[in-house]
N, C-alpha and C. Protein backbone atom coordinates (compact mmCIF):
# COMPACT_ATOMS: atom_id res chain seq x y z
N MET A 1 -57.51 -12.54 -7.67
CA MET A 1 -56.26 -11.81 -7.66
C MET A 1 -55.30 -12.48 -6.67
N ALA A 2 -54.15 -12.84 -7.14
CA ALA A 2 -53.17 -13.54 -6.31
C ALA A 2 -52.39 -12.55 -5.45
N VAL A 3 -52.05 -13.00 -4.26
CA VAL A 3 -51.24 -12.19 -3.36
C VAL A 3 -49.80 -12.62 -3.52
N SER A 4 -48.91 -11.67 -3.71
CA SER A 4 -47.50 -12.02 -3.87
C SER A 4 -46.91 -12.43 -2.54
N ASP A 5 -45.84 -13.21 -2.59
CA ASP A 5 -45.19 -13.73 -1.38
C ASP A 5 -44.72 -12.63 -0.45
N HIS A 6 -44.26 -11.49 -1.00
CA HIS A 6 -43.70 -10.47 -0.13
C HIS A 6 -44.75 -9.71 0.67
N THR A 7 -46.03 -9.85 0.35
CA THR A 7 -47.08 -9.20 1.13
C THR A 7 -47.78 -10.18 2.07
N ALA A 8 -47.56 -11.46 1.90
CA ALA A 8 -48.19 -12.45 2.76
C ALA A 8 -47.49 -12.46 4.12
N PRO A 9 -48.26 -12.63 5.20
CA PRO A 9 -47.61 -12.69 6.51
C PRO A 9 -46.68 -13.88 6.60
N ILE A 10 -45.58 -13.69 7.27
CA ILE A 10 -44.60 -14.77 7.41
C ILE A 10 -45.03 -15.68 8.55
N THR A 11 -44.85 -16.95 8.37
CA THR A 11 -45.16 -17.92 9.41
C THR A 11 -43.90 -18.16 10.25
N TYR A 12 -44.08 -18.72 11.43
CA TYR A 12 -42.89 -18.95 12.25
C TYR A 12 -41.93 -19.95 11.60
N PRO A 13 -42.39 -21.00 10.88
CA PRO A 13 -41.40 -21.85 10.20
C PRO A 13 -40.60 -21.05 9.15
N GLY A 14 -41.26 -20.17 8.43
CA GLY A 14 -40.56 -19.34 7.45
C GLY A 14 -39.58 -18.39 8.12
N ARG A 15 -39.98 -17.84 9.26
CA ARG A 15 -39.09 -16.95 10.01
C ARG A 15 -37.86 -17.72 10.50
N LEU A 16 -38.07 -18.94 11.00
CA LEU A 16 -36.95 -19.76 11.44
C LEU A 16 -35.96 -19.98 10.30
N ARG A 17 -36.48 -20.33 9.14
CA ARG A 17 -35.63 -20.59 7.98
C ARG A 17 -34.83 -19.33 7.62
N ARG A 18 -35.49 -18.19 7.56
CA ARG A 18 -34.80 -16.94 7.20
C ARG A 18 -33.74 -16.57 8.22
N LEU A 19 -34.07 -16.69 9.49
CA LEU A 19 -33.10 -16.37 10.53
C LEU A 19 -31.90 -17.31 10.48
N ARG A 20 -32.19 -18.60 10.31
CA ARG A 20 -31.10 -19.58 10.25
C ARG A 20 -30.19 -19.31 9.06
N GLN A 21 -30.79 -19.02 7.92
CA GLN A 21 -29.99 -18.73 6.73
C GLN A 21 -29.21 -17.42 6.91
N HIS A 22 -29.81 -16.44 7.56
CA HIS A 22 -29.11 -15.18 7.83
C HIS A 22 -27.85 -15.43 8.66
N HIS A 23 -27.95 -16.34 9.59
CA HIS A 23 -26.81 -16.68 10.46
C HIS A 23 -25.88 -17.71 9.82
N GLU A 24 -26.21 -18.09 8.58
CA GLU A 24 -25.40 -19.04 7.81
C GLU A 24 -25.19 -20.35 8.55
N LEU A 25 -26.29 -20.88 9.09
CA LEU A 25 -26.25 -22.15 9.80
C LEU A 25 -27.07 -23.18 9.04
N THR A 26 -26.65 -24.42 9.11
CA THR A 26 -27.47 -25.51 8.60
C THR A 26 -28.52 -25.84 9.66
N GLN A 27 -29.53 -26.59 9.26
CA GLN A 27 -30.52 -27.03 10.24
C GLN A 27 -29.86 -27.83 11.35
N GLU A 28 -28.94 -28.67 10.97
CA GLU A 28 -28.25 -29.51 11.95
C GLU A 28 -27.43 -28.67 12.93
N GLN A 29 -26.72 -27.67 12.42
CA GLN A 29 -25.91 -26.81 13.29
C GLN A 29 -26.79 -26.05 14.28
N PHE A 30 -27.89 -25.47 13.79
CA PHE A 30 -28.75 -24.70 14.68
C PHE A 30 -29.40 -25.60 15.72
N ALA A 31 -29.89 -26.75 15.30
CA ALA A 31 -30.52 -27.68 16.23
C ALA A 31 -29.56 -28.07 17.34
N GLU A 32 -28.33 -28.35 16.98
CA GLU A 32 -27.31 -28.72 17.97
C GLU A 32 -27.05 -27.56 18.93
N THR A 33 -27.01 -26.34 18.41
CA THR A 33 -26.75 -25.15 19.22
C THR A 33 -27.80 -24.97 20.30
N ILE A 34 -29.07 -25.25 19.98
CA ILE A 34 -30.13 -25.02 20.96
C ILE A 34 -30.56 -26.29 21.69
N GLY A 35 -29.90 -27.40 21.39
CA GLY A 35 -30.16 -28.64 22.13
C GLY A 35 -31.38 -29.41 21.69
N LEU A 36 -31.73 -29.30 20.40
CA LEU A 36 -32.82 -30.11 19.85
C LEU A 36 -32.24 -31.13 18.89
N SER A 37 -32.97 -32.21 18.67
CA SER A 37 -32.52 -33.16 17.67
C SER A 37 -32.70 -32.53 16.29
N TYR A 38 -31.84 -32.90 15.38
CA TYR A 38 -31.88 -32.38 14.01
C TYR A 38 -33.22 -32.68 13.36
N LYS A 39 -33.70 -33.90 13.49
CA LYS A 39 -34.97 -34.30 12.85
C LYS A 39 -36.15 -33.51 13.42
N PHE A 40 -36.16 -33.29 14.73
CA PHE A 40 -37.24 -32.52 15.36
C PHE A 40 -37.23 -31.09 14.84
N TYR A 41 -36.05 -30.47 14.81
CA TYR A 41 -35.96 -29.10 14.30
C TYR A 41 -36.37 -29.05 12.83
N GLN A 42 -35.95 -30.02 12.06
CA GLN A 42 -36.29 -30.07 10.64
C GLN A 42 -37.82 -30.10 10.46
N GLN A 43 -38.52 -30.86 11.28
CA GLN A 43 -39.97 -30.93 11.22
C GLN A 43 -40.62 -29.61 11.60
N ILE A 44 -40.05 -28.92 12.59
CA ILE A 44 -40.58 -27.61 12.99
C ILE A 44 -40.42 -26.62 11.84
N GLU A 45 -39.22 -26.54 11.28
CA GLU A 45 -38.96 -25.58 10.21
C GLU A 45 -39.78 -25.89 8.96
N ALA A 46 -40.07 -27.15 8.72
CA ALA A 46 -40.87 -27.54 7.55
C ALA A 46 -42.36 -27.30 7.79
N GLY A 47 -42.74 -26.94 9.02
CA GLY A 47 -44.14 -26.68 9.32
C GLY A 47 -44.93 -27.93 9.61
N CYS A 48 -44.24 -29.05 9.82
CA CYS A 48 -44.92 -30.32 10.11
C CYS A 48 -45.39 -30.41 11.56
N LYS A 49 -44.75 -29.69 12.44
CA LYS A 49 -45.15 -29.67 13.85
C LYS A 49 -46.08 -28.49 14.06
N LYS A 50 -47.36 -28.77 14.16
CA LYS A 50 -48.36 -27.71 14.29
C LYS A 50 -48.46 -27.17 15.71
N GLN A 51 -48.09 -27.98 16.69
CA GLN A 51 -48.13 -27.55 18.07
C GLN A 51 -46.80 -27.90 18.73
N ILE A 52 -46.18 -26.88 19.32
CA ILE A 52 -44.94 -27.12 20.05
C ILE A 52 -45.05 -26.43 21.41
N TRP A 53 -44.32 -26.93 22.37
CA TRP A 53 -44.33 -26.38 23.72
C TRP A 53 -43.75 -24.97 23.73
N LEU A 54 -44.24 -24.15 24.66
CA LEU A 54 -43.72 -22.80 24.83
C LEU A 54 -42.22 -22.83 25.12
N GLU A 55 -41.78 -23.80 25.88
CA GLU A 55 -40.35 -23.95 26.17
C GLU A 55 -39.54 -24.12 24.88
N THR A 56 -40.09 -24.84 23.92
CA THR A 56 -39.41 -25.03 22.64
C THR A 56 -39.37 -23.73 21.86
N VAL A 57 -40.47 -22.98 21.86
CA VAL A 57 -40.49 -21.67 21.20
C VAL A 57 -39.41 -20.77 21.80
N GLU A 58 -39.31 -20.77 23.11
CA GLU A 58 -38.31 -19.93 23.79
C GLU A 58 -36.89 -20.37 23.44
N ARG A 59 -36.66 -21.67 23.34
CA ARG A 59 -35.33 -22.17 22.95
C ARG A 59 -34.98 -21.74 21.54
N LEU A 60 -35.96 -21.85 20.62
CA LEU A 60 -35.74 -21.44 19.24
C LEU A 60 -35.43 -19.95 19.19
N ALA A 61 -36.22 -19.15 19.86
CA ALA A 61 -36.03 -17.70 19.85
C ALA A 61 -34.69 -17.31 20.46
N THR A 62 -34.37 -17.89 21.60
CA THR A 62 -33.11 -17.57 22.28
C THR A 62 -31.91 -17.90 21.40
N GLY A 63 -32.02 -18.93 20.60
CA GLY A 63 -30.92 -19.29 19.69
C GLY A 63 -30.60 -18.19 18.70
N PHE A 64 -31.56 -17.30 18.43
CA PHE A 64 -31.34 -16.18 17.53
C PHE A 64 -31.28 -14.84 18.26
N GLY A 65 -31.25 -14.88 19.59
CA GLY A 65 -31.19 -13.64 20.36
C GLY A 65 -32.53 -12.91 20.39
N LEU A 66 -33.63 -13.66 20.26
CA LEU A 66 -34.97 -13.08 20.26
C LEU A 66 -35.74 -13.52 21.49
N GLU A 67 -36.84 -12.84 21.75
CA GLU A 67 -37.83 -13.28 22.73
C GLU A 67 -38.82 -14.16 21.97
N GLY A 68 -39.53 -15.02 22.68
CA GLY A 68 -40.50 -15.90 22.04
C GLY A 68 -41.53 -15.15 21.22
N TRP A 69 -42.04 -14.03 21.75
CA TRP A 69 -43.07 -13.27 21.04
C TRP A 69 -42.54 -12.72 19.72
N GLN A 70 -41.24 -12.39 19.67
CA GLN A 70 -40.67 -11.85 18.44
C GLN A 70 -40.62 -12.93 17.36
N LEU A 71 -40.35 -14.15 17.76
CA LEU A 71 -40.33 -15.25 16.80
C LEU A 71 -41.72 -15.51 16.23
N LEU A 72 -42.75 -15.38 17.06
CA LEU A 72 -44.11 -15.66 16.63
C LEU A 72 -44.82 -14.45 16.03
N SER A 73 -44.23 -13.28 16.14
CA SER A 73 -44.82 -12.05 15.61
C SER A 73 -44.97 -12.12 14.10
N THR A 74 -45.95 -11.39 13.58
CA THR A 74 -46.12 -11.31 12.13
C THR A 74 -45.20 -10.28 11.51
N ASP A 75 -44.52 -9.46 12.35
CA ASP A 75 -43.57 -8.48 11.84
C ASP A 75 -42.23 -9.15 11.60
N GLU A 76 -41.67 -8.91 10.44
CA GLU A 76 -40.38 -9.48 10.06
C GLU A 76 -39.26 -8.75 10.79
N PRO A 77 -38.33 -9.47 11.45
CA PRO A 77 -37.16 -8.80 12.01
C PRO A 77 -36.42 -8.08 10.89
N THR A 78 -36.05 -6.83 11.13
CA THR A 78 -35.42 -6.05 10.07
C THR A 78 -33.95 -5.75 10.32
N ALA A 79 -33.55 -5.72 11.57
CA ALA A 79 -32.15 -5.38 11.85
C ALA A 79 -31.68 -6.11 13.10
N TYR A 80 -30.45 -6.54 13.07
CA TYR A 80 -29.88 -7.23 14.22
C TYR A 80 -28.95 -6.27 14.92
N ASP A 81 -29.17 -6.07 16.21
CA ASP A 81 -28.36 -5.15 17.00
C ASP A 81 -27.94 -5.88 18.27
N GLY A 82 -26.75 -6.46 18.23
CA GLY A 82 -26.30 -7.23 19.38
C GLY A 82 -27.21 -8.42 19.59
N PRO A 83 -27.74 -8.59 20.81
CA PRO A 83 -28.57 -9.77 21.06
C PRO A 83 -30.03 -9.61 20.65
N HIS A 84 -30.40 -8.49 20.02
CA HIS A 84 -31.81 -8.25 19.72
C HIS A 84 -32.05 -7.91 18.26
N TRP A 85 -33.14 -8.44 17.74
CA TRP A 85 -33.61 -8.08 16.40
C TRP A 85 -34.62 -6.98 16.57
N HIS A 86 -34.64 -6.02 15.66
CA HIS A 86 -35.65 -4.98 15.67
C HIS A 86 -36.68 -5.33 14.61
N THR A 87 -37.95 -5.26 14.96
CA THR A 87 -39.01 -5.57 14.02
C THR A 87 -39.52 -4.29 13.38
N GLN A 88 -40.26 -4.42 12.31
CA GLN A 88 -40.84 -3.26 11.64
C GLN A 88 -41.70 -2.47 12.62
N ARG A 89 -42.46 -3.16 13.45
CA ARG A 89 -43.33 -2.48 14.41
C ARG A 89 -42.52 -1.63 15.37
N GLU A 90 -41.39 -2.13 15.85
CA GLU A 90 -40.54 -1.40 16.78
C GLU A 90 -39.87 -0.21 16.11
N ASP A 91 -39.63 -0.29 14.81
CA ASP A 91 -38.94 0.78 14.10
C ASP A 91 -39.85 1.95 13.76
N ARG A 92 -41.15 1.79 13.91
CA ARG A 92 -42.09 2.85 13.54
C ARG A 92 -42.03 4.00 14.49
């Protein structure tokens, strides 16, 4: 029995892509905003970088107004309220 995409846990590269698209930014624009090279960010979002420094996770999260743990959480951000995203877990 196949599991549909909407029930599968989201990975951090998938979360990055969704957040970036929500903010209507290109990979290049977002990478520039947080001070990473475009190619490096592209590899992270594509899931090619299996290990990244905590500092990089924090930079990625801060670029979207999140904490590092929120970016890595399996809960999908559901609402943006100023500088913070609310996750499904927080909304319960």
